[in-house]
Amino acid sequence: MFNNKQQVDDLSVTVSYEDISLKNYSLSAGQYFEVKIEYTDTPKQFAEKMQVFTDNLDSLFKQSHELEDEIKKQLAELKYE
């Protein structure tokens, strides 16, 4: 691949000497890779997922408050002897 100057998705890129000089001769690979974002969800699917996450978070917050109340109750029952 390297000797043949082949570009392989998610593995390698080929850049020109001019591209390298424009980046101040930096060879940090990340700046030469193109960022590809694949959108697989429709807006409706995204909203449904967010609702599931929100419902789950609400449930966890409710559990948290119940545990807080139980801890306070247990602390109030402690006695020093």
C-alpha atoms as a PDB file:
ATOM      1  CA  MET A   1       0.000   0.000   0.000  1.00  0.00           C
ATOM      2  CA  PHE A   2       2.674   2.493   1.052  1.00  0.00           C
ATOM      3  CA  ASN A   3       4.962   1.873  -1.903  1.00  0.00           C
ATOM      4  CA  ASN A   4       2.044   1.800  -4.335  1.00  0.00           C
ATOM      5  CA  LYS A   5       0.591   4.981  -2.806  1.00  0.00           C
ATOM      6  CA  GLN A   6      -2.803   3.349  -2.342  1.00  0.00           C
ATOM      7  CA  GLN A   7      -5.405   4.936  -0.145  1.00  0.00           C
ATOM      8  CA  VAL A   8      -7.459   2.548   2.028  1.00  0.00           C
ATOM      9  CA  ASP A   9     -10.550   3.807   3.864  1.00  0.00           C
ATOM     10  CA  ASP A  10     -10.091   4.004   7.650  1.00  0.00           C
ATOM     11  CA  LEU A  11      -6.472   2.889   7.303  1.00  0.00           C
ATOM     12  CA  SER A  12      -4.404   5.186   5.128  1.00  0.00           C
ATOM     13  CA  VAL A  13      -4.459   8.380   3.084  1.00  0.00           C
ATOM     14  CA  THR A  14      -2.250   9.708   0.353  1.00  0.00           C
ATOM     15  CA  VAL A  15      -1.182  13.332   0.465  1.00  0.00           C
ATOM     16  CA  SER A  16       0.985  15.450  -1.753  1.00  0.00           C
ATOM     17  CA  TYR A  17       4.151  17.217  -0.696  1.00  0.00           C
ATOM     18  CA  GLU A  18       2.231  20.459  -1.140  1.00  0.00           C
ATOM     19  CA  ASP A  19      -0.423  19.287   1.377  1.00  0.00           C
ATOM     20  CA  ILE A  20       2.315  18.461   3.860  1.00  0.00           C
ATOM     21  CA  SER A  21       3.985  21.842   3.413  1.00  0.00           C
ATOM     22  CA  LEU A  22       0.636  23.601   3.947  1.00  0.00           C
ATOM     23  CA  LYS A  23       0.428  21.851   7.328  1.00  0.00           C
ATOM     24  CA  ASN A  24       3.911  23.126   8.307  1.00  0.00           C
ATOM     25  CA  TYR A  25       5.420  19.722   7.511  1.00  0.00           C
ATOM     26  CA  SER A  26       3.444  18.087  10.286  1.00  0.00           C
ATOM     27  CA  LEU A  27       3.062  14.349   9.853  1.00  0.00           C
ATOM     28  CA  SER A  28       0.300  13.906  12.440  1.00  0.00           C
ATOM     29  CA  ALA A  29      -1.947  11.474  10.616  1.00  0.00           C
ATOM     30  CA  GLY A  30      -5.259  12.688  12.055  1.00  0.00           C
ATOM     31  CA  GLN A  31      -5.165  15.999  10.240  1.00  0.00           C
ATOM     32  CA  TYR A  32      -5.030  14.327   6.838  1.00  0.00           C
ATOM     33  CA  PHE A  33      -7.958  11.936   7.316  1.00  0.00           C
ATOM     34  CA  GLU A  34     -11.343  13.086   6.103  1.00  0.00           C
ATOM     35  CA  VAL A  35     -14.056  12.938   8.738  1.00  0.00           C
ATOM     36  CA  LYS A  36     -16.982  10.870   7.541  1.00  0.00           C
ATOM     37  CA  ILE A  37     -20.271  10.970   9.408  1.00  0.00           C
ATOM     38  CA  GLU A  38     -22.936   8.469   8.535  1.00  0.00           C
ATOM     39  CA  TYR A  39     -26.448   9.422   9.488  1.00  0.00           C
ATOM     40  CA  THR A  40     -28.511   6.279   9.792  1.00  0.00           C
ATOM     41  CA  ASP A  41     -31.408   7.553  11.901  1.00  0.00           C
ATOM     42  CA  THR A  42     -34.313   9.603  10.670  1.00  0.00           C
ATOM     43  CA  PRO A  43     -35.329  12.577  12.807  1.00  0.00           C
ATOM     44  CA  LYS A  44     -38.257  10.507  14.110  1.00  0.00           C
ATOM     45  CA  GLN A  45     -35.956   7.609  15.108  1.00  0.00           C
ATOM     46  CA  PHE A  46     -33.610  10.052  16.807  1.00  0.00           C
ATOM     47  CA  ALA A  47     -36.500  11.591  18.771  1.00  0.00           C
ATOM     48  CA  GLU A  48     -37.663   8.117  19.821  1.00  0.00           C
ATOM     49  CA  LYS A  49     -34.169   7.186  21.036  1.00  0.00           C
ATOM     50  CA  MET A  50     -33.880  10.455  22.938  1.00  0.00           C
ATOM     51  CA  GLN A  51     -37.244   9.784  24.590  1.00  0.00           C
ATOM     52  CA  VAL A  52     -36.051   6.334  25.723  1.00  0.00           C
ATOM     53  CA  PHE A  53     -32.876   7.896  27.155  1.00  0.00           C
ATOM     54  CA  THR A  54     -34.905  10.623  28.882  1.00  0.00           C
ATOM     55  CA  ASP A  55     -37.332   8.102  30.367  1.00  0.00           C
ATOM     56  CA  ASN A  56     -34.429   5.999  31.622  1.00  0.00           C
ATOM     57  CA  LEU A  57     -32.770   9.055  33.142  1.00  0.00           C
ATOM     58  CA  ASP A  58     -36.022  10.068  34.850  1.00  0.00           C
ATOM     59  CA  SER A  59     -36.274   6.584  36.339  1.00  0.00           C
ATOM     60  CA  LEU A  60     -32.707   6.766  37.621  1.00  0.00           C
ATOM     61  CA  PHE A  61     -33.317  10.204  39.155  1.00  0.00           C
ATOM     62  CA  LYS A  62     -36.413   8.862  40.903  1.00  0.00           C
ATOM     63  CA  GLN A  63     -34.407   5.930  42.294  1.00  0.00           C
ATOM     64  CA  SER A  64     -31.722   8.356  43.419  1.00  0.00           C
ATOM     65  CA  HIS A  65     -34.216  10.454  45.384  1.00  0.00           C
ATOM     66  CA  GLU A  66     -35.685   7.339  46.992  1.00  0.00           C
ATOM     67  CA  LEU A  67     -32.208   6.235  48.056  1.00  0.00           C
ATOM     68  CA  GLU A  68     -31.425   9.703  49.408  1.00  0.00           C
ATOM     69  CA  ASP A  69     -34.578   9.592  51.531  1.00  0.00           C
ATOM     70  CA  GLU A  70     -33.714   6.095  52.795  1.00  0.00           C
ATOM     71  CA  ILE A  71     -30.178   7.161  53.731  1.00  0.00           C
ATOM     72  CA  LYS A  72     -31.506  10.190  55.629  1.00  0.00           C
ATOM     73  CA  LYS A  73     -34.015   7.954  57.426  1.00  0.00           C
ATOM     74  CA  GLN A  74     -31.285   5.482  58.416  1.00  0.00           C
ATOM     75  CA  LEU A  75     -29.007   8.294  59.610  1.00  0.00           C
ATOM     76  CA  ALA A  76     -31.785   9.728  61.785  1.00  0.00           C
ATOM     77  CA  GLU A  77     -32.121   6.371  63.522  1.00  0.00           C
ATOM     78  CA  LEU A  78     -28.458   6.190  64.532  1.00  0.00           C
ATOM     79  CA  LYS A  79     -27.789   6.539  68.260  1.00  0.00           C
ATOM     80  CA  TYR A  80     -24.569   7.298  70.076  1.00  0.00           C
ATOM     81  CA  GLU A  81     -23.866   5.083  73.063  1.00  0.00           C
END
